[in-house]
Amino acid sequence: MTSPHARNTSSMQASPRCGARTRDGNPCRAPAARGKARCRMHGGAPGCGAPPGNRNARKHGLFARDAISERRQLDSLLDDALKLLRELR
């Protein structure tokens, strides 16, 4: 059964395709987002992807102080262990 009106899909079919590969290795067949090389599912949607730089790492310093002090303690412990091993030789 055909629809009563003809659909104009030529522009959609002529649009550039997404450059991503699917899990099975075949290219993605979805049309690329406007001005992008990927479709909306592979990173072409506006606002997708990581922010520029590494801003997420500097969200807060809640764990930073504890982690730094723990690393310093471990470093001093390792230094003491190395000194002890040198003295035993």
N, C-alpha and C. Protein backbone atom coordinates (compact mmCIF):
# COMPACT_ATOMS: atom_id res chain seq x y z
N MET A 1 0.84 -1.18 0.00
CA MET A 1 0.00 0.00 0.00
C MET A 1 0.89 1.24 0.00
N THR A 2 0.72 2.12 -0.93
CA THR A 2 1.51 3.34 -1.02
C THR A 2 0.76 4.48 -0.37
N SER A 3 1.53 5.45 0.11
CA SER A 3 0.90 6.60 0.76
C SER A 3 0.33 7.53 -0.31
N PRO A 4 -0.67 8.32 0.03
CA PRO A 4 -1.29 9.20 -0.96
C PRO A 4 -0.39 10.36 -1.39
N HIS A 5 0.64 10.67 -0.63
CA HIS A 5 1.53 11.76 -1.03
C HIS A 5 2.96 11.23 -1.16
N ALA A 6 3.68 11.82 -2.07
CA ALA A 6 5.07 11.38 -2.29
C ALA A 6 5.98 12.09 -1.30
N ARG A 7 6.90 11.33 -0.74
CA ARG A 7 7.84 11.91 0.21
C ARG A 7 9.12 12.31 -0.52
N ASN A 8 9.63 13.46 -0.15
CA ASN A 8 10.88 13.92 -0.74
C ASN A 8 12.01 13.58 0.23
N THR A 9 12.65 12.44 0.01
CA THR A 9 13.73 12.00 0.90
C THR A 9 15.09 12.11 0.24
N SER A 10 15.16 12.74 -0.90
CA SER A 10 16.42 12.80 -1.62
C SER A 10 17.48 13.60 -0.85
N SER A 11 17.10 14.70 -0.20
CA SER A 11 18.09 15.48 0.54
C SER A 11 18.58 14.70 1.75
N MET A 12 17.71 13.93 2.38
CA MET A 12 18.12 13.14 3.53
C MET A 12 19.07 12.02 3.09
N GLN A 13 18.80 11.42 1.98
CA GLN A 13 19.66 10.34 1.50
C GLN A 13 20.99 10.86 0.98
N ALA A 14 21.02 12.11 0.54
CA ALA A 14 22.25 12.69 0.00
C ALA A 14 23.13 13.30 1.08
N SER A 15 22.64 13.39 2.31
CA SER A 15 23.42 14.02 3.38
C SER A 15 24.61 13.15 3.75
N PRO A 16 25.69 13.78 4.23
CA PRO A 16 26.87 12.99 4.60
C PRO A 16 26.57 12.06 5.76
N ARG A 17 27.21 10.92 5.74
CA ARG A 17 26.97 9.91 6.78
C ARG A 17 27.95 10.07 7.92
N CYS A 18 27.60 9.51 9.04
CA CYS A 18 28.44 9.52 10.23
C CYS A 18 29.72 8.75 9.94
N GLY A 19 30.86 9.24 10.45
CA GLY A 19 32.14 8.58 10.21
C GLY A 19 32.51 7.55 11.25
N ALA A 20 31.62 7.29 12.22
CA ALA A 20 31.94 6.33 13.28
C ALA A 20 31.75 4.91 12.79
N ARG A 21 32.35 4.00 13.53
CA ARG A 21 32.19 2.57 13.25
C ARG A 21 31.37 1.94 14.36
N THR A 22 30.53 0.99 13.99
CA THR A 22 29.74 0.28 14.98
C THR A 22 30.58 -0.82 15.61
N ARG A 23 30.01 -1.52 16.59
CA ARG A 23 30.77 -2.55 17.28
C ARG A 23 31.18 -3.69 16.37
N ASP A 24 30.39 -3.94 15.35
CA ASP A 24 30.75 -5.03 14.44
C ASP A 24 31.70 -4.59 13.33
N GLY A 25 32.14 -3.33 13.37
CA GLY A 25 33.13 -2.85 12.41
C GLY A 25 32.55 -2.17 11.19
N ASN A 26 31.25 -2.21 11.02
CA ASN A 26 30.63 -1.55 9.87
C ASN A 26 30.46 -0.06 10.15
N PRO A 27 30.45 0.77 9.12
CA PRO A 27 30.25 2.20 9.36
C PRO A 27 28.81 2.49 9.80
N CYS A 28 28.68 3.52 10.62
CA CYS A 28 27.35 3.96 11.06
C CYS A 28 26.62 4.53 9.86
N ARG A 29 25.36 4.20 9.72
CA ARG A 29 24.61 4.63 8.54
C ARG A 29 23.73 5.85 8.80
N ALA A 30 23.80 6.38 10.02
CA ALA A 30 22.98 7.55 10.36
C ALA A 30 23.57 8.81 9.71
N PRO A 31 22.73 9.78 9.39
CA PRO A 31 23.27 11.02 8.81
C PRO A 31 24.04 11.81 9.86
N ALA A 32 25.12 12.46 9.44
CA ALA A 32 25.92 13.27 10.35
C ALA A 32 25.14 14.51 10.75
N ALA A 33 25.40 15.00 11.95
CA ALA A 33 24.75 16.23 12.41
C ALA A 33 25.25 17.39 11.57
N ARG A 34 24.48 18.43 11.50
CA ARG A 34 24.82 19.57 10.65
C ARG A 34 26.15 20.18 11.09
N GLY A 35 27.08 20.25 10.17
CA GLY A 35 28.39 20.84 10.44
C GLY A 35 29.33 19.92 11.20
N LYS A 36 28.97 18.68 11.43
CA LYS A 36 29.81 17.74 12.18
C LYS A 36 30.09 16.52 11.33
N ALA A 37 31.03 15.70 11.80
CA ALA A 37 31.38 14.47 11.08
C ALA A 37 30.71 13.25 11.69
N ARG A 38 29.99 13.44 12.82
CA ARG A 38 29.35 12.33 13.51
C ARG A 38 27.86 12.58 13.65
N CYS A 39 27.12 11.50 13.84
CA CYS A 39 25.68 11.62 14.04
C CYS A 39 25.41 12.00 15.49
N ARG A 40 24.17 12.21 15.84
CA ARG A 40 23.82 12.64 17.20
C ARG A 40 24.15 11.57 18.23
N MET A 41 24.19 10.30 17.81
CA MET A 41 24.47 9.22 18.76
C MET A 41 25.96 9.00 18.97
N HIS A 42 26.79 9.51 18.07
CA HIS A 42 28.23 9.30 18.16
C HIS A 42 28.99 10.59 18.42
N GLY A 43 28.35 11.58 19.00
CA GLY A 43 29.05 12.78 19.41
C GLY A 43 28.80 14.01 18.58
N GLY A 44 27.83 14.01 17.71
CA GLY A 44 27.56 15.18 16.89
C GLY A 44 26.51 16.10 17.46
N ALA A 45 25.86 15.69 18.55
CA ALA A 45 24.82 16.51 19.15
C ALA A 45 25.45 17.72 19.84
N PRO A 46 24.77 18.86 19.85
CA PRO A 46 25.34 20.03 20.51
C PRO A 46 25.46 19.79 22.02
N GLY A 47 26.57 20.24 22.57
CA GLY A 47 26.76 20.11 24.00
C GLY A 47 27.27 18.76 24.45
N CYS A 48 27.57 17.86 23.52
CA CYS A 48 28.04 16.55 23.95
C CYS A 48 29.56 16.55 24.01
N GLY A 49 30.09 15.61 24.72
CA GLY A 49 31.53 15.48 24.85
C GLY A 49 32.04 16.15 26.11
N ALA A 50 33.29 15.97 26.36
CA ALA A 50 33.92 16.52 27.56
C ALA A 50 34.12 18.02 27.40
N PRO A 51 34.15 18.74 28.52
CA PRO A 51 34.42 20.17 28.42
C PRO A 51 35.87 20.40 28.01
N PRO A 52 36.16 21.55 27.42
CA PRO A 52 37.54 21.82 27.05
C PRO A 52 38.42 21.90 28.29
N GLY A 53 39.59 21.34 28.20
CA GLY A 53 40.47 21.29 29.36
C GLY A 53 40.02 20.18 30.29
N ASN A 54 40.47 20.24 31.53
CA ASN A 54 40.09 19.22 32.49
C ASN A 54 39.43 19.90 33.69
N ARG A 55 38.34 20.58 33.45
CA ARG A 55 37.66 21.32 34.51
C ARG A 55 37.03 20.41 35.54
N ASN A 56 36.67 19.19 35.15
CA ASN A 56 36.02 18.28 36.09
C ASN A 56 36.94 17.91 37.24
N ALA A 57 38.23 17.91 37.02
CA ALA A 57 39.18 17.52 38.05
C ALA A 57 39.27 18.58 39.14
N ARG A 58 38.88 19.81 38.84
CA ARG A 58 39.00 20.90 39.82
C ARG A 58 37.66 21.31 40.38
N LYS A 59 36.74 20.37 40.49
CA LYS A 59 35.41 20.71 40.96
C LYS A 59 35.42 21.15 42.42
N HIS A 60 36.14 20.44 43.24
CA HIS A 60 36.26 20.78 44.66
C HIS A 60 37.54 20.15 45.20
N GLY A 61 37.98 20.58 46.34
CA GLY A 61 39.20 20.05 46.92
C GLY A 61 38.94 19.14 48.10
N LEU A 62 37.78 18.50 48.13
CA LEU A 62 37.39 17.69 49.28
C LEU A 62 38.37 16.55 49.53
N PHE A 63 38.79 15.85 48.49
CA PHE A 63 39.66 14.70 48.66
C PHE A 63 41.12 15.03 48.38
N ALA A 64 41.38 16.19 47.82
CA ALA A 64 42.74 16.52 47.41
C ALA A 64 43.69 16.59 48.61
N ARG A 65 43.29 17.26 49.69
CA ARG A 65 44.17 17.43 50.85
C ARG A 65 44.50 16.07 51.47
N ASP A 66 43.49 15.22 51.60
CA ASP A 66 43.72 13.90 52.17
C ASP A 66 44.62 13.05 51.28
N ALA A 67 44.40 13.12 49.98
CA ALA A 67 45.21 12.32 49.05
C ALA A 67 46.66 12.79 49.06
N ILE A 68 46.88 14.10 49.12
CA ILE A 68 48.25 14.62 49.14
C ILE A 68 48.96 14.20 50.42
N SER A 69 48.29 14.30 51.55
CA SER A 69 48.93 13.91 52.80
C SER A 69 49.21 12.41 52.84
N GLU A 70 48.29 11.61 52.27
CA GLU A 70 48.52 10.16 52.22
C GLU A 70 49.72 9.81 51.35
N ARG A 71 49.84 10.49 50.20
CA ARG A 71 50.99 10.26 49.33
C ARG A 71 52.30 10.65 50.02
N ARG A 72 52.27 11.75 50.75
CA ARG A 72 53.49 12.18 51.46
C ARG A 72 53.87 11.16 52.53
N GLN A 73 52.89 10.64 53.24
CA GLN A 73 53.17 9.63 54.26
C GLN A 73 53.77 8.37 53.63
N LEU A 74 53.19 7.94 52.50
CA LEU A 74 53.72 6.76 51.82
C LEU A 74 55.14 7.00 51.31
N ASP A 75 55.39 8.19 50.79
CA ASP A 75 56.74 8.51 50.31
C ASP A 75 57.75 8.47 51.45
N SER A 76 57.38 9.05 52.59
CA SER A 76 58.32 9.03 53.73
C SER A 76 58.53 7.61 54.24
N LEU A 77 57.48 6.80 54.23
CA LEU A 77 57.61 5.40 54.65
C LEU A 77 58.54 4.63 53.72
N LEU A 78 58.39 4.86 52.42
CA LEU A 78 59.27 4.20 51.46
C LEU A 78 60.71 4.69 51.60
N ASP A 79 60.89 5.98 51.85
CA ASP A 79 62.24 6.51 52.06
C ASP A 79 62.90 5.86 53.27
N ASP A 80 62.12 5.73 54.36
CA ASP A 80 62.65 5.10 55.57
C ASP A 80 63.01 3.63 55.30
N ALA A 81 62.18 2.94 54.54
CA ALA A 81 62.46 1.53 54.22
C ALA A 81 63.72 1.41 53.38
N LEU A 82 63.91 2.31 52.42
CA LEU A 82 65.13 2.28 51.60
C LEU A 82 66.37 2.58 52.42
N LYS A 83 66.27 3.53 53.34
CA LYS A 83 67.40 3.84 54.20
C LYS A 83 67.78 2.63 55.06
N LEU A 84 66.76 1.97 55.59
CA LEU A 84 67.00 0.78 56.40
C LEU A 84 67.67 -0.33 55.59
N LEU A 85 67.23 -0.54 54.38
CA LEU A 85 67.84 -1.55 53.51
C LEU A 85 69.30 -1.20 53.19
N ARG A 86 69.59 0.07 52.99
CA ARG A 86 70.97 0.48 52.71
C ARG A 86 71.87 0.24 53.93
N GLU A 87 71.31 0.50 55.11
CA GLU A 87 72.10 0.30 56.33
C GLU A 87 72.37 -1.18 56.58
N LEU A 88 71.45 -2.05 56.18
CA LEU A 88 71.61 -3.49 56.41
C LEU A 88 72.65 -4.13 55.48
N ARG A 89 72.98 -3.48 54.41
CA ARG A 89 73.95 -4.05 53.46
C ARG A 89 75.32 -4.06 53.98
